[in-house]
């Protein structure tokens, strides 16, 4: 009687198999070059072409071929699913449908690694809850991307033998990010624009002006890597109109939390995304128990949440709206955050422009 050979390899083969698997798993790492964006730039469809994604300094990208003064790179990140739509254009899977574009983040609700403009085509990689993992290849100026330490060949893959004489290390090229990282913070509230830059309604929000080099500004408040400024200049009176409502605009939730005494009781205009109409319980001590409120996301494009107190008649109106609809609301700040969460509590004054 004879037996068929066992399908498992003999024990003496296992170390060799393990070594082979280790080598194969290292191949993708060796094949992928990683770089880092050294200064704020834009990912373009082609060299000097249409801009697709704004990339801040420090964003990691996969680097590909160089062509003259341009370098092809791939950026990937997570985008809010409600801000994109399916497409089959040019072999891509989704298109950014949010009117003002949308942030790309390193993880759901993570750090911003870029901002895709409205109409940008993206490849879909994965989904997680209300987030979609996407990527996009494009071109950036060669001087705007530097090799990253993450791009170095893993030591386990090319470590020299222990007895080998070490060769002198080659100094890495100077990184443009180092100047930014070591640049001292501006302690005074007076400053000047050091390079042409955009003036935005909110951090990562819509751009409505460009400030030229040397423009004097006054710093009013800070929110992460952003500062709220005041600047002076002249415009033609015929280009102006009366401001309506006297509400503050462009204020972030982070600003409200950092200086409650300044904003509690003030009227603000916030762009919010309606999630649900709910009833307050004992955990939300800043809202009367049983009071109706709106659970909203924002203020956009911030990823946090805001509780909006509404009357019963107002609640009926919002219940008829589709979920995830974006609304501009004029609200009064009641509390910078709740007892247990960092969520601001506001009271509805009116809807704006709708």
Protein backbone atom coordinates (compact mmCIF):
# COMPACT_ATOMS: atom_id res chain seq x y z
CA UNK A 1 0.00 0.00 0.00
CA UNK A 2 1.38 3.45 -0.89
CA UNK A 3 0.35 6.92 0.29
CA UNK A 4 0.15 10.12 -1.69
CA UNK A 5 2.74 12.70 -0.66
CA UNK A 6 1.58 15.30 1.84
CA UNK A 7 0.70 18.74 0.40
CA UNK A 8 2.65 20.58 3.12
CA UNK A 9 6.40 21.03 2.40
CA UNK A 10 8.91 19.19 4.56
CA UNK A 11 9.96 21.07 7.68
CA UNK A 12 13.44 21.70 6.23
CA UNK A 13 11.84 23.81 3.47
CA UNK A 14 9.98 26.15 5.83
CA UNK A 15 12.88 28.56 6.52
CA UNK A 16 13.45 28.94 2.78
CA UNK A 17 9.74 29.57 2.17
CA UNK A 18 9.66 32.18 4.92
CA UNK A 19 12.68 33.94 3.44
CA UNK A 20 11.07 33.93 -0.01
CA UNK A 21 7.83 35.42 1.35
CA UNK A 22 9.81 38.12 3.16
CA UNK A 23 11.63 39.02 -0.05
CA UNK A 24 8.41 39.13 -2.08
CA UNK A 25 6.69 41.33 0.50
CA UNK A 26 9.59 43.79 0.30
CA UNK A 27 9.37 44.20 -3.47
CA UNK A 28 6.44 46.68 -3.44
CA UNK A 29 8.27 48.78 -0.84
CA UNK A 30 11.36 48.95 -3.01
CA UNK A 31 9.33 49.81 -6.08
CA UNK A 32 7.45 52.71 -4.53
CA UNK A 33 9.24 56.05 -4.17
CA UNK A 34 7.84 58.35 -1.52
CA UNK A 35 8.31 62.09 -1.50
CA UNK A 36 7.13 65.04 0.56
CA UNK A 37 5.62 68.28 -0.66
CA UNK A 38 8.08 70.96 0.48
CA UNK A 39 5.95 74.05 -0.12
CA UNK A 40 2.28 74.74 -0.76
CA UNK A 41 1.52 73.84 -4.35
CA UNK A 42 -1.15 72.49 -6.68
CA UNK A 43 -1.43 69.06 -8.27
CA UNK A 44 -2.20 69.62 -11.95
CA UNK A 45 -3.67 67.39 -14.64
CA UNK A 46 -0.54 67.87 -16.75
CA UNK A 47 2.57 70.09 -16.54
CA UNK A 48 1.33 73.69 -16.25
CA UNK A 49 -2.22 72.37 -16.78
CA UNK A 50 -5.53 72.57 -14.94
CA UNK A 51 -5.15 72.51 -11.11
CA UNK A 52 -6.90 69.58 -9.43
CA UNK A 53 -5.81 69.43 -5.77
CA UNK A 54 -4.20 72.02 -3.50
CA UNK A 55 -1.38 70.36 -1.53
CA UNK A 56 -0.01 71.89 1.70
CA UNK A 57 3.64 71.54 2.65
CA UNK A 58 4.36 68.25 4.41
CA UNK A 59 1.96 66.08 2.41
CA UNK A 60 3.46 62.68 1.49
CA UNK A 61 3.09 61.62 -2.13
CA UNK A 62 4.23 58.75 -4.33
CA UNK A 63 6.74 60.11 -6.82
CA UNK A 64 6.95 58.94 -10.41
CA UNK A 65 8.68 60.31 -13.51
CA UNK A 66 10.13 63.78 -13.97
CA UNK A 67 9.59 65.87 -17.09
CA UNK A 68 11.58 69.09 -17.32
CA UNK A 69 10.62 71.33 -14.41
CA UNK A 70 7.70 69.08 -13.44
CA UNK A 71 7.38 65.86 -11.45
CA UNK A 72 4.51 63.36 -11.63
CA UNK A 73 3.19 62.31 -8.21
CA UNK A 74 0.23 60.42 -6.75
CA UNK A 75 -1.68 61.72 -3.73
CA UNK A 76 -4.26 59.69 -1.82
CA UNK A 77 -6.58 60.47 1.03
CA UNK A 78 -10.07 60.14 2.49
CA UNK A 79 -12.88 62.40 1.29
CA UNK A 80 -16.38 62.92 2.65
CA UNK A 81 -18.57 60.63 0.51
CA UNK A 82 -21.39 63.14 0.30
CA UNK A 83 -19.01 65.53 -1.50
CA UNK A 84 -18.38 63.22 -4.46
CA UNK A 85 -20.50 61.60 -7.18
CA UNK A 86 -19.99 58.47 -9.33
CA UNK A 87 -18.57 59.01 -12.82
CA UNK A 88 -17.08 57.07 -15.72
CA UNK A 89 -15.23 59.97 -17.31
CA UNK A 90 -11.69 59.25 -18.53
CA UNK A 91 -11.57 55.97 -16.61
CA UNK A 92 -12.08 57.55 -13.18
CA UNK A 93 -14.60 56.39 -10.57
CA UNK A 94 -15.77 59.55 -8.78
CA UNK A 95 -15.85 63.32 -9.26
CA UNK A 96 -15.82 66.04 -6.58
CA UNK A 97 -19.33 67.51 -6.60
CA UNK A 98 -19.14 69.88 -3.60
CA UNK A 99 -19.43 73.42 -5.03
CA UNK A 100 -16.40 74.70 -3.09
CA UNK A 101 -14.38 71.50 -3.35
CA UNK A 102 -13.61 69.18 -0.44
CA UNK A 103 -10.68 68.26 1.84
CA UNK A 104 -8.61 65.10 1.46
CA UNK A 105 -7.52 63.66 4.81
CA UNK A 106 -4.95 61.06 5.86
CA UNK A 107 -7.73 59.08 7.57
CA UNK A 108 -11.48 59.50 8.15
CA UNK A 109 -11.74 62.73 10.18
CA UNK A 110 -7.92 62.89 10.08
CA UNK A 111 -5.42 65.60 9.16
CA UNK A 112 -5.94 67.51 5.92
CA UNK A 113 -3.46 66.47 3.19
CA UNK A 114 -5.03 68.42 0.34
CA UNK A 115 -8.16 70.04 -1.03
CA UNK A 116 -9.70 68.75 -4.26
CA UNK A 117 -11.45 71.34 -6.41
CA UNK A 118 -14.99 70.94 -7.71
CA UNK A 119 -14.97 68.74 -10.82
CA UNK A 120 -11.71 66.94 -9.99
CA UNK A 121 -11.77 63.30 -11.13
CA UNK A 122 -10.52 60.71 -8.62
CA UNK A 123 -9.95 56.98 -8.38
CA UNK A 124 -11.93 55.17 -5.68
CA UNK A 125 -9.88 52.81 -3.48
CA UNK A 126 -12.08 51.96 -0.49
CA UNK A 127 -14.97 53.13 1.70
CA UNK A 128 -15.40 53.42 5.46
CA UNK A 129 -18.70 54.69 6.83
CA UNK A 130 -19.34 58.12 5.35
CA UNK A 131 -15.81 58.37 3.92
CA UNK A 132 -14.24 57.24 0.64
CA UNK A 133 -10.54 56.52 0.09
CA UNK A 134 -9.40 58.05 -3.21
CA UNK A 135 -6.22 58.78 -5.16
CA UNK A 136 -5.17 60.99 -8.04
CA UNK A 137 -2.01 61.22 -10.17
CA UNK A 138 -0.87 64.57 -11.48
CA UNK A 139 2.04 66.96 -11.86
CA UNK A 140 3.70 69.40 -9.46
CA UNK A 141 6.72 71.69 -9.93
CA UNK A 142 9.91 69.71 -9.30
CA UNK A 143 11.12 72.18 -6.67
CA UNK A 144 7.92 71.60 -4.66
CA UNK A 145 8.68 67.94 -3.88
CA UNK A 146 11.62 66.51 -1.93
CA UNK A 147 12.68 62.94 -1.14
CA UNK A 148 11.30 61.79 2.19
CA UNK A 149 12.97 59.63 4.79
CA UNK A 150 10.09 57.23 4.24
CA UNK A 151 11.39 56.71 0.71
CA UNK A 152 14.70 55.24 1.84
CA UNK A 153 15.18 51.56 1.17
CA UNK A 154 14.27 49.56 4.30
CA UNK A 155 17.36 48.62 6.27
CA UNK A 156 16.26 44.98 6.39
CA UNK A 157 16.26 44.81 2.61
CA UNK A 158 19.71 46.28 1.91
CA UNK A 159 21.61 46.22 5.19
CA UNK A 160 25.37 45.76 4.52
CA UNK A 161 27.09 42.74 6.04
CA UNK A 162 28.27 43.26 9.61
CA UNK A 163 31.92 42.91 8.53
CA UNK A 164 31.65 45.38 5.66
CA UNK A 165 33.44 48.70 5.97
CA UNK A 166 30.77 51.41 6.24
CA UNK A 167 30.87 54.08 3.57
CA UNK A 168 30.57 57.73 4.53
CA UNK A 169 26.95 58.84 4.61
CA UNK A 170 25.93 61.29 1.94
CA UNK A 171 24.28 64.36 3.35
CA UNK A 172 20.65 64.55 2.29
CA UNK A 173 19.66 67.49 0.11
CA UNK A 174 18.39 70.46 2.09
CA UNK A 175 14.63 70.31 2.48
CA UNK A 176 12.51 73.36 1.84
CA UNK A 177 10.27 72.17 4.66
CA UNK A 178 13.03 72.72 7.19
CA UNK A 179 12.80 76.47 6.70
CA UNK A 180 9.10 76.32 7.40
CA UNK A 181 9.48 74.01 10.39
CA UNK A 182 12.14 76.20 12.04
CA UNK A 183 10.58 79.54 11.15
CA UNK A 184 9.79 81.27 14.43
CA UNK A 185 6.15 81.92 15.21
CA UNK A 186 4.86 85.47 14.91
CA UNK A 187 4.45 86.71 18.45
CA UNK A 188 3.19 90.19 17.58
CA UNK A 189 -0.32 90.82 16.28
CA UNK A 190 1.20 92.91 13.48
CA UNK A 191 2.71 91.21 10.45
CA UNK A 192 3.18 91.48 6.69
CA UNK A 193 2.50 89.03 3.86
CA UNK A 194 5.79 87.35 2.89
CA UNK A 195 4.54 85.84 -0.36
CA UNK A 196 1.42 86.10 -2.50
CA UNK A 197 -1.31 84.22 -0.67
CA UNK A 198 -5.04 83.66 -0.74
CA UNK A 199 -7.55 85.22 1.64
CA UNK A 200 -10.11 82.59 2.65
CA UNK A 201 -13.54 82.87 4.26
CA UNK A 202 -12.66 79.99 6.63
CA UNK A 203 -9.67 77.65 7.02
CA UNK A 204 -9.71 75.46 3.88
CA UNK A 205 -12.84 77.33 2.78
CA UNK A 206 -13.63 79.38 -0.29
CA UNK A 207 -11.03 81.88 -1.49
CA UNK A 208 -12.30 85.39 -2.18
CA UNK A 209 -9.17 87.53 -2.51
CA UNK A 210 -5.41 87.44 -3.02
CA UNK A 211 -2.97 89.37 -0.82
CA UNK A 212 0.23 90.63 -2.41
CA UNK A 213 3.73 90.53 -0.90
CA UNK A 214 4.19 93.22 1.72
CA UNK A 215 0.50 93.73 2.51
CA UNK A 216 0.25 94.76 6.20
CA UNK A 217 -2.15 92.73 8.33
CA UNK A 218 -3.27 92.48 11.94
CA UNK A 219 -3.65 89.02 13.49
CA UNK A 220 -6.97 88.74 15.35
CA UNK A 221 -6.99 85.06 16.39
CA UNK A 222 -5.44 81.68 15.61
CA UNK A 223 -6.85 78.25 14.74
CA UNK A 224 -4.25 75.51 14.20
CA UNK A 225 -2.05 76.51 11.25
CA UNK A 226 -4.40 79.37 10.32
CA UNK A 227 -4.75 82.94 11.55
CA UNK A 228 -7.74 85.24 11.28
CA UNK A 229 -6.54 88.62 10.03
CA UNK A 230 -7.62 92.18 9.50
CA UNK A 231 -6.17 94.15 6.61
CA UNK A 232 -6.70 97.64 5.26
CA UNK A 233 -7.06 98.88 1.71
CA UNK A 234 -9.19 100.88 -0.66
CA UNK A 235 -12.05 99.78 -2.93
CA UNK A 236 -14.55 101.71 -5.03
CA UNK A 237 -17.70 102.57 -3.08
CA UNK A 238 -19.85 101.57 -6.03
CA UNK A 239 -18.66 97.97 -5.61
CA UNK A 240 -20.10 97.70 -2.07
CA UNK A 241 -23.52 96.97 -0.61
CA UNK A 242 -25.05 97.10 2.86
CA UNK A 243 -24.16 94.13 5.08
CA UNK A 244 -27.25 92.25 6.24
CA UNK A 245 -27.99 91.16 9.79
CA UNK A 246 -24.72 92.21 11.38
CA UNK A 247 -23.69 88.57 11.83
CA UNK A 248 -20.02 87.59 12.08
CA UNK A 249 -18.76 85.39 9.25
CA UNK A 250 -15.68 83.21 8.82
CA UNK A 251 -15.48 82.30 12.53
CA UNK A 252 -14.38 78.72 13.19
CA UNK A 253 -15.59 76.47 16.00
CA UNK A 254 -12.00 76.33 17.24
CA UNK A 255 -12.00 80.11 17.65
CA UNK A 256 -15.24 79.97 19.63
CA UNK A 257 -13.85 77.27 21.93
CA UNK A 258 -10.57 79.10 22.46
CA UNK A 259 -12.22 82.40 23.45
CA UNK A 260 -15.79 81.75 24.72
CA UNK A 261 -16.14 85.14 26.40
CA UNK A 262 -15.62 86.81 23.05
CA UNK A 263 -18.22 84.85 21.10
CA UNK A 264 -20.93 83.57 23.48
CA UNK A 265 -24.01 85.70 22.86
CA UNK A 266 -22.79 86.86 19.44
CA UNK A 267 -24.59 86.17 16.15
CA UNK A 268 -22.65 84.17 13.56
CA UNK A 269 -23.35 82.82 10.09
CA UNK A 270 -22.31 79.20 9.75
CA UNK A 271 -22.60 76.77 6.86
CA UNK A 272 -23.86 73.52 8.39
CA UNK A 273 -24.89 70.10 7.13
CA UNK A 274 -28.14 68.75 8.56
CA UNK A 275 -27.76 65.27 10.06
CA UNK A 276 -30.91 64.78 12.15
CA UNK A 277 -33.58 66.46 14.31
CA UNK A 278 -33.24 65.25 17.91
CA UNK A 279 -34.51 65.85 21.46
CA UNK A 280 -32.14 66.87 24.26
CA UNK A 281 -31.52 64.48 27.15
CA UNK A 282 -29.81 64.81 30.53
CA UNK A 283 -26.34 64.41 28.98
CA UNK A 284 -26.65 67.72 27.13
CA UNK A 285 -26.97 70.03 30.11
CA UNK A 286 -26.51 73.14 27.97
CA UNK A 287 -29.85 72.43 26.24
CA UNK A 288 -33.11 72.24 28.25
CA UNK A 289 -34.18 68.62 28.60
CA UNK A 290 -36.84 67.77 26.02
CA UNK A 291 -35.86 70.73 23.80
CA UNK A 292 -35.65 70.02 20.08
CA UNK A 293 -32.30 70.63 18.40
CA UNK A 294 -30.56 69.92 15.11
CA UNK A 295 -27.53 67.68 14.97
CA UNK A 296 -25.36 69.23 12.26
CA UNK A 297 -21.88 68.79 10.85
CA UNK A 298 -19.66 71.83 10.67
CA UNK A 299 -19.23 74.66 10.54
CA UNK A 300 -18.15 73.53 7.09
CA UNK A 301 -15.56 72.65 6.02
CA UNK A 302 -14.65 71.67 9.62
CA UNK A 303 -15.35 67.99 10.39
CA UNK A 304 -16.91 68.50 13.84
CA UNK A 305 -20.52 68.86 14.96
CA UNK A 306 -22.80 71.67 16.15
CA UNK A 307 -26.03 71.46 18.19
CA UNK A 308 -28.61 73.99 16.93
CA UNK A 309 -31.55 74.71 19.27
CA UNK A 310 -34.80 75.20 17.34
CA UNK A 311 -38.48 75.77 18.19
CA UNK A 312 -41.13 73.13 17.50
CA UNK A 313 -42.37 75.00 14.44
CA UNK A 314 -38.83 75.32 13.11
CA UNK A 315 -38.19 71.63 13.83
CA UNK A 316 -41.13 70.65 11.60
CA UNK A 317 -39.57 72.59 8.74
CA UNK A 318 -36.21 70.86 9.13
CA UNK A 319 -37.79 67.41 9.43
CA UNK A 320 -39.12 67.85 5.90
CA UNK A 321 -35.63 68.45 4.50
CA UNK A 322 -33.48 65.60 3.13
CA UNK A 323 -30.68 64.40 5.37
CA UNK A 324 -27.18 65.77 4.68
CA UNK A 325 -28.52 68.95 3.07
CA UNK A 326 -26.19 71.91 3.54
CA UNK A 327 -27.70 75.09 5.02
CA UNK A 328 -26.42 78.55 5.86
CA UNK A 329 -27.82 79.47 9.27
CA UNK A 330 -27.66 82.63 11.33
CA UNK A 331 -27.21 81.50 14.94
CA UNK A 332 -26.48 82.85 18.41
CA UNK A 333 -23.68 81.13 20.33
CA UNK A 334 -25.10 79.75 23.61
CA UNK A 335 -22.10 77.65 24.72
CA UNK A 336 -18.63 77.13 23.23
CA UNK A 337 -18.83 73.41 24.05
CA UNK A 338 -20.87 70.94 26.06
CA UNK A 339 -19.92 69.46 29.41
CA UNK A 340 -18.78 66.18 27.87
CA UNK A 341 -17.93 67.09 24.26
CA UNK A 342 -16.27 69.87 22.29
CA UNK A 343 -19.52 70.47 20.37
CA UNK A 344 -20.72 74.12 20.31
CA UNK A 345 -24.35 74.84 21.22
CA UNK A 346 -26.14 77.58 19.25
CA UNK A 347 -29.69 78.85 18.87
CA UNK A 348 -31.24 79.35 15.45
CA UNK A 349 -32.08 82.90 14.39
CA UNK A 350 -32.90 82.33 10.73
CA UNK A 351 -31.92 80.58 7.53
CA UNK A 352 -29.90 82.66 5.08
CA UNK A 353 -30.52 82.97 1.37
CA UNK A 354 -33.04 80.13 1.15
